Amino acid sequence: MTSLRPVVLSGPSGAGKSTLLKMLMENFPQSFAFSVSHTSRKPRPGEVHGREYNFVSEEEMLKDIADGKFLEYSQFAGNYYGTPREAVTSPCTRSSFDHTLPCYFAKPTQQWLRFPISGVRPNFCSLFSSWNTQYHVLESGRICILDVDANGVRSIYEARPPLNARFIFVGPPSIEVLECRLRNRGTETEEKTLSRLQQAKVDMEFANSPHGKRIYDAYIVNDNIEEAYDKLFDFLKDDIALTLDDERQQVAAS
């Protein structure tokens, strides 16, 4: 199995990270696995436990933080968010956590996808994994994707032993465009919208700072979702090719 590097995706809420991740997972289900973060916030309409987040109580979250069970964690708008260490670095076992559905894997399609693939949307079926399943994201032959904030990026970058990840920042073309997107969602209070905009400014300033530029391997401006996806794909195409080569070798050996 070729050594695969995790991919850490970061950017402000409303920048388009979720849409880009969905496109990537749909186009290359055999290549990626998504590490689902834990959060103490309440689910929004349409969100499913184990898909967008693992929704847990604040008490559970604080206990897991105290026990060192997160690779990174942060607090925003009164809620905690964290990436389980075990979801990325060791087998998902119930002895490590007692929360179900930490990460999910998409079932491979029958045909290989060719480059470039803008607009291609093959059907796929999500296969959910629980802590009871002895399954390791990297050992699955898929690239692990983490979606974290700027504080999480710094924590993962400085983690020891190093995760050897690839870091990508997704940003809006401007704060004004981001504000329009957030307000069009209609899912946040005025206070939370302003808080997200303030945090977005901080995140974007960090990504453009000398320290941020040392961390991030790519900065993608999402002015057009298809063009942003093409840039994301172009950055990851060599990694994707490795997963396809590994899977072909496994099929040939079976």
Protein backbone atom coordinates (compact mmCIF):
# COMPACT_ATOMS: atom_id res chain seq x y z
CA MET A 1 0.00 0.00 0.00
CA THR A 2 1.37 3.38 -1.02
CA SER A 3 1.72 5.83 1.85
CA LEU A 4 -1.16 8.32 1.62
CA ARG A 5 -1.09 11.76 3.22
CA PRO A 6 -4.19 13.10 5.00
CA VAL A 7 -5.73 16.25 3.57
CA VAL A 8 -6.71 19.06 5.94
CA LEU A 9 -9.27 21.44 4.48
CA SER A 10 -9.93 24.76 6.19
CA GLY A 11 -11.75 28.01 5.53
CA PRO A 12 -14.55 30.19 6.86
CA SER A 13 -18.16 29.08 7.03
CA GLY A 14 -19.77 29.95 3.70
CA ALA A 15 -16.58 29.61 1.68
CA GLY A 16 -17.86 26.44 0.00
CA LYS A 17 -15.81 23.73 1.74
CA SER A 18 -18.79 21.40 2.23
CA THR A 19 -19.83 21.67 -1.41
CA LEU A 20 -16.29 21.00 -2.62
CA LEU A 21 -15.97 18.01 -0.29
CA LYS A 22 -19.28 16.60 -1.52
CA MET A 23 -18.16 16.95 -5.14
CA LEU A 24 -14.82 15.30 -4.35
CA MET A 25 -16.44 12.39 -2.49
CA GLU A 26 -19.02 11.86 -5.23
CA ASN A 27 -16.45 11.87 -8.01
CA PHE A 28 -13.86 9.75 -6.20
CA PRO A 29 -15.61 7.62 -3.57
CA GLN A 30 -12.87 4.99 -3.80
CA SER A 31 -10.17 7.54 -3.02
CA PHE A 32 -11.35 9.46 0.04
CA ALA A 33 -12.67 8.90 3.56
CA PHE A 34 -14.00 11.78 5.62
CA SER A 35 -13.17 12.11 9.30
CA VAL A 36 -16.31 13.42 10.97
CA SER A 37 -15.70 15.87 13.80
CA HIS A 38 -17.44 15.90 17.17
CA THR A 39 -19.42 18.95 18.27
CA SER A 40 -21.47 19.99 21.27
CA ARG A 41 -23.77 22.20 19.18
CA LYS A 42 -27.30 21.16 18.28
CA PRO A 43 -27.93 19.72 14.79
CA ARG A 44 -29.29 22.08 12.16
CA PRO A 45 -32.30 21.04 10.05
CA GLY A 46 -31.26 18.27 7.66
CA GLU A 47 -28.05 17.38 9.49
CA VAL A 48 -27.56 13.75 10.46
CA HIS A 49 -25.53 12.42 13.39
CA GLY A 50 -22.39 10.80 12.01
CA ARG A 51 -22.57 12.54 8.65
CA GLU A 52 -22.00 16.27 9.13
CA TYR A 53 -20.88 15.85 12.76
CA ASN A 54 -21.04 13.50 15.70
CA PHE A 55 -23.39 15.46 17.93
CA VAL A 56 -22.60 14.95 21.62
CA SER A 57 -23.37 16.75 24.86
CA GLU A 58 -21.06 19.44 26.20
CA GLU A 59 -20.35 17.21 29.19
CA GLU A 60 -19.19 14.36 26.92
CA MET A 61 -17.14 16.77 24.82
CA LEU A 62 -15.33 18.26 27.81
CA LYS A 63 -14.58 14.79 29.20
CA ASP A 64 -13.06 13.66 25.89
CA ILE A 65 -11.01 16.88 25.71
CA ALA A 66 -9.72 16.27 29.24
CA ASP A 67 -8.88 12.67 28.30
CA GLY A 68 -6.82 13.85 25.30
CA LYS A 69 -9.03 12.09 22.76
CA PHE A 70 -8.91 14.86 20.16
CA LEU A 71 -6.22 15.57 17.60
CA GLU A 72 -7.46 19.16 17.71
CA TYR A 73 -10.41 21.00 19.22
CA SER A 74 -11.75 24.53 19.40
CA GLN A 75 -14.65 26.55 20.77
CA PHE A 76 -16.82 28.81 18.62
CA ALA A 77 -20.07 30.63 19.43
CA GLY A 78 -20.34 28.75 22.71
CA ASN A 79 -19.94 25.30 21.11
CA TYR A 80 -17.02 22.88 21.05
CA TYR A 81 -15.66 21.18 17.93
CA GLY A 82 -12.99 18.48 17.78
CA THR A 83 -11.38 15.87 15.54
CA PRO A 84 -11.06 12.45 17.25
CA ARG A 85 -7.44 11.32 17.26
CA GLU A 86 -8.49 7.70 16.84
CA ALA A 87 -10.46 8.46 13.67
CA VAL A 88 -7.23 9.31 11.86
CA THR A 89 -4.34 7.58 13.61
CA SER A 90 -5.62 4.21 14.85
CA PRO A 91 -8.41 1.64 14.39
CA CYS A 92 -11.95 2.77 15.19
CA THR A 93 -12.79 0.65 18.22
CA ARG A 94 -15.49 0.97 20.83
CA SER A 95 -12.83 0.64 23.50
CA SER A 96 -11.44 4.00 22.38
CA PHE A 97 -14.72 5.91 22.13
CA ASP A 98 -18.34 5.18 22.84
CA HIS A 99 -19.77 7.45 20.14
CA THR A 100 -21.08 5.85 16.96
CA LEU A 101 -20.30 6.86 13.38
CA PRO A 102 -17.00 8.74 13.65
CA CYS A 103 -16.24 8.55 9.96
CA TYR A 104 -17.78 7.28 6.76
CA PHE A 105 -16.57 5.64 3.61
CA ALA A 106 -18.16 5.78 0.21
CA LYS A 107 -18.61 2.52 -1.67
CA PRO A 108 -16.39 2.33 -4.78
CA THR A 109 -17.99 2.60 -8.21
CA GLN A 110 -17.44 -0.08 -10.84
CA GLN A 111 -15.58 2.06 -13.36
CA TRP A 112 -12.44 4.16 -13.15
CA LEU A 113 -12.80 7.91 -13.53
CA ARG A 114 -10.55 9.80 -15.90
CA PHE A 115 -9.08 13.31 -15.63
CA PRO A 116 -10.42 15.95 -15.83
CA ILE A 117 -13.83 15.22 -14.38
CA SER A 118 -15.64 18.57 -14.06
CA GLY A 119 -19.38 17.97 -14.10
CA VAL A 120 -19.08 14.19 -13.64
CA ARG A 121 -21.46 13.00 -10.93
CA PRO A 122 -21.46 9.18 -10.66
CA ASN A 123 -23.91 7.57 -8.28
CA PHE A 124 -22.48 6.42 -4.98
CA CYS A 125 -23.57 4.79 -1.79
CA SER A 126 -22.25 5.85 1.62
CA LEU A 127 -21.10 3.04 3.86
CA PHE A 128 -21.05 4.15 7.49
CA SER A 129 -18.51 2.86 9.97
CA SER A 130 -18.90 2.73 13.78
CA TRP A 131 -16.34 2.61 16.55
CA ASN A 132 -17.13 -1.11 16.76
CA THR A 133 -15.61 -1.65 13.32
CA GLN A 134 -11.89 -2.40 13.19
CA TYR A 135 -11.29 0.03 10.37
CA HIS A 136 -8.46 2.52 9.90
CA VAL A 137 -8.95 5.41 7.50
CA LEU A 138 -5.47 5.25 6.02
CA GLU A 139 -5.29 1.46 6.06
CA SER A 140 -8.50 1.42 4.02
CA GLY A 141 -6.50 2.64 1.03
CA ARG A 142 -8.30 5.97 1.06
CA ILE A 143 -7.06 9.48 1.74
CA CYS A 144 -8.37 10.84 5.04
CA ILE A 145 -9.96 14.30 4.78
CA LEU A 146 -10.31 16.57 7.80
CA ASP A 147 -12.39 19.76 7.81
CA VAL A 148 -11.14 22.03 10.63
CA ASP A 149 -10.83 25.72 11.53
CA ALA A 150 -7.59 27.75 11.63
CA ASN A 151 -6.88 26.77 15.23
CA GLY A 152 -7.28 23.13 14.27
CA VAL A 153 -4.90 23.63 11.35
CA ARG A 154 -2.23 24.97 13.70
CA SER A 155 -2.78 22.12 16.17
CA ILE A 156 -2.51 19.46 13.46
CA TYR A 157 0.52 21.17 11.88
CA GLU A 158 2.30 21.20 15.25
CA ALA A 159 1.15 17.72 16.33
CA ARG A 160 3.81 15.25 17.45
CA PRO A 161 4.35 12.79 15.97
CA PRO A 162 3.62 14.80 12.80
CA LEU A 163 0.59 13.82 10.74
CA ASN A 164 2.41 14.71 7.48
CA ALA A 165 -0.78 16.22 6.09
CA ARG A 166 -1.45 18.44 3.09
CA PHE A 167 -3.17 21.71 4.07
CA ILE A 168 -5.66 23.53 1.84
CA PHE A 169 -7.41 26.82 2.56
CA VAL A 170 -10.71 27.60 0.80
CA GLY A 171 -11.69 31.26 0.92
CA PRO A 172 -14.33 33.55 -0.57
CA PRO A 173 -13.37 36.24 -3.10
CA SER A 174 -14.15 38.87 -0.46
CA ILE A 175 -15.74 39.37 2.97
CA GLU A 176 -18.65 41.12 1.25
CA VAL A 177 -19.39 38.04 -0.87
CA LEU A 178 -19.10 35.82 2.20
CA GLU A 179 -21.54 38.01 4.13
CA CYS A 180 -24.05 37.74 1.30
CA ARG A 181 -23.73 33.94 1.28
CA LEU A 182 -24.18 33.66 5.04
CA ARG A 183 -27.23 35.93 5.07
CA ASN A 184 -28.80 34.05 2.15
CA ARG A 185 -28.56 30.84 4.17
CA GLY A 186 -30.97 32.23 6.73
CA THR A 187 -29.82 29.70 9.33
CA GLU A 188 -28.00 31.99 11.77
CA THR A 189 -28.95 34.80 14.10
CA GLU A 190 -27.55 38.25 13.45
CA GLU A 191 -25.15 37.81 16.35
CA LYS A 192 -23.80 34.51 15.01
CA THR A 193 -23.53 35.89 11.46
CA LEU A 194 -21.42 38.79 12.67
CA SER A 195 -19.34 36.39 14.78
CA ARG A 196 -18.71 34.17 11.76
CA LEU A 197 -17.72 37.17 9.64
CA GLN A 198 -15.29 38.35 12.29
CA GLN A 199 -13.78 34.86 12.53
CA ALA A 200 -13.57 34.69 8.73
CA LYS A 201 -11.48 37.86 8.68
CA VAL A 202 -9.12 36.36 11.25
CA ASP A 203 -8.86 33.07 9.31
CA MET A 204 -8.20 34.81 6.00
CA GLU A 205 -5.58 37.08 7.53
CA PHE A 206 -3.85 34.06 9.04
CA ALA A 207 -3.91 32.16 5.73
CA ASN A 208 -2.24 35.13 4.05
CA SER A 209 0.30 35.69 6.83
CA PRO A 210 3.89 34.41 6.55
CA HIS A 211 3.13 31.66 9.09
CA GLY A 212 -0.06 30.69 7.28
CA LYS A 213 1.74 30.54 3.95
CA ARG A 214 4.26 28.14 5.47
CA ILE A 215 1.44 25.86 6.60
CA TYR A 216 -0.99 25.92 3.68
CA ASP A 217 0.06 24.08 0.55
CA ALA A 218 -2.76 25.63 -1.49
CA TYR A 219 -5.10 28.62 -1.22
CA ILE A 220 -8.25 28.24 -3.33
CA VAL A 221 -10.54 31.23 -3.88
CA ASN A 222 -14.11 30.04 -4.44
CA ASP A 223 -15.60 32.62 -6.78
CA ASN A 224 -17.11 29.91 -8.97
CA ILE A 225 -17.71 26.45 -7.52
CA GLU A 226 -16.77 24.51 -10.68
CA GLU A 227 -13.54 26.47 -11.12
CA ALA A 228 -12.72 26.06 -7.43
CA TYR A 229 -13.33 22.33 -7.74
CA ASP A 230 -11.02 22.10 -10.76
CA LYS A 231 -8.27 23.78 -8.70
CA LEU A 232 -8.87 21.40 -5.80
CA PHE A 233 -8.77 18.41 -8.13
CA ASP A 234 -5.63 19.65 -9.86
CA PHE A 235 -3.90 19.91 -6.48
CA LEU A 236 -4.96 16.39 -5.43
CA LYS A 237 -4.86 14.51 -8.74
CA ASP A 238 -1.50 12.84 -8.07
CA ASP A 239 -2.73 11.63 -4.67
CA ILE A 240 -5.94 10.35 -6.27
CA ALA A 241 -3.89 8.48 -8.88
CA LEU A 242 -2.03 6.70 -6.08
CA THR A 243 -5.28 5.37 -4.61
CA LEU A 244 -6.43 4.16 -8.02
CA ASP A 245 -3.08 2.43 -8.61
CA ASP A 246 -3.27 0.74 -5.19
CA GLU A 247 -6.81 -0.47 -5.81
CA ARG A 248 -5.90 -1.82 -9.24
CA GLN A 249 -2.98 -3.70 -7.68
CA GLN A 250 -5.25 -5.20 -5.03
CA VAL A 251 -7.75 -6.31 -7.69
CA ALA A 252 -4.94 -7.84 -9.78
CA ALA A 253 -3.58 -9.71 -6.75
CA SER A 254 -6.96 -11.12 -5.69
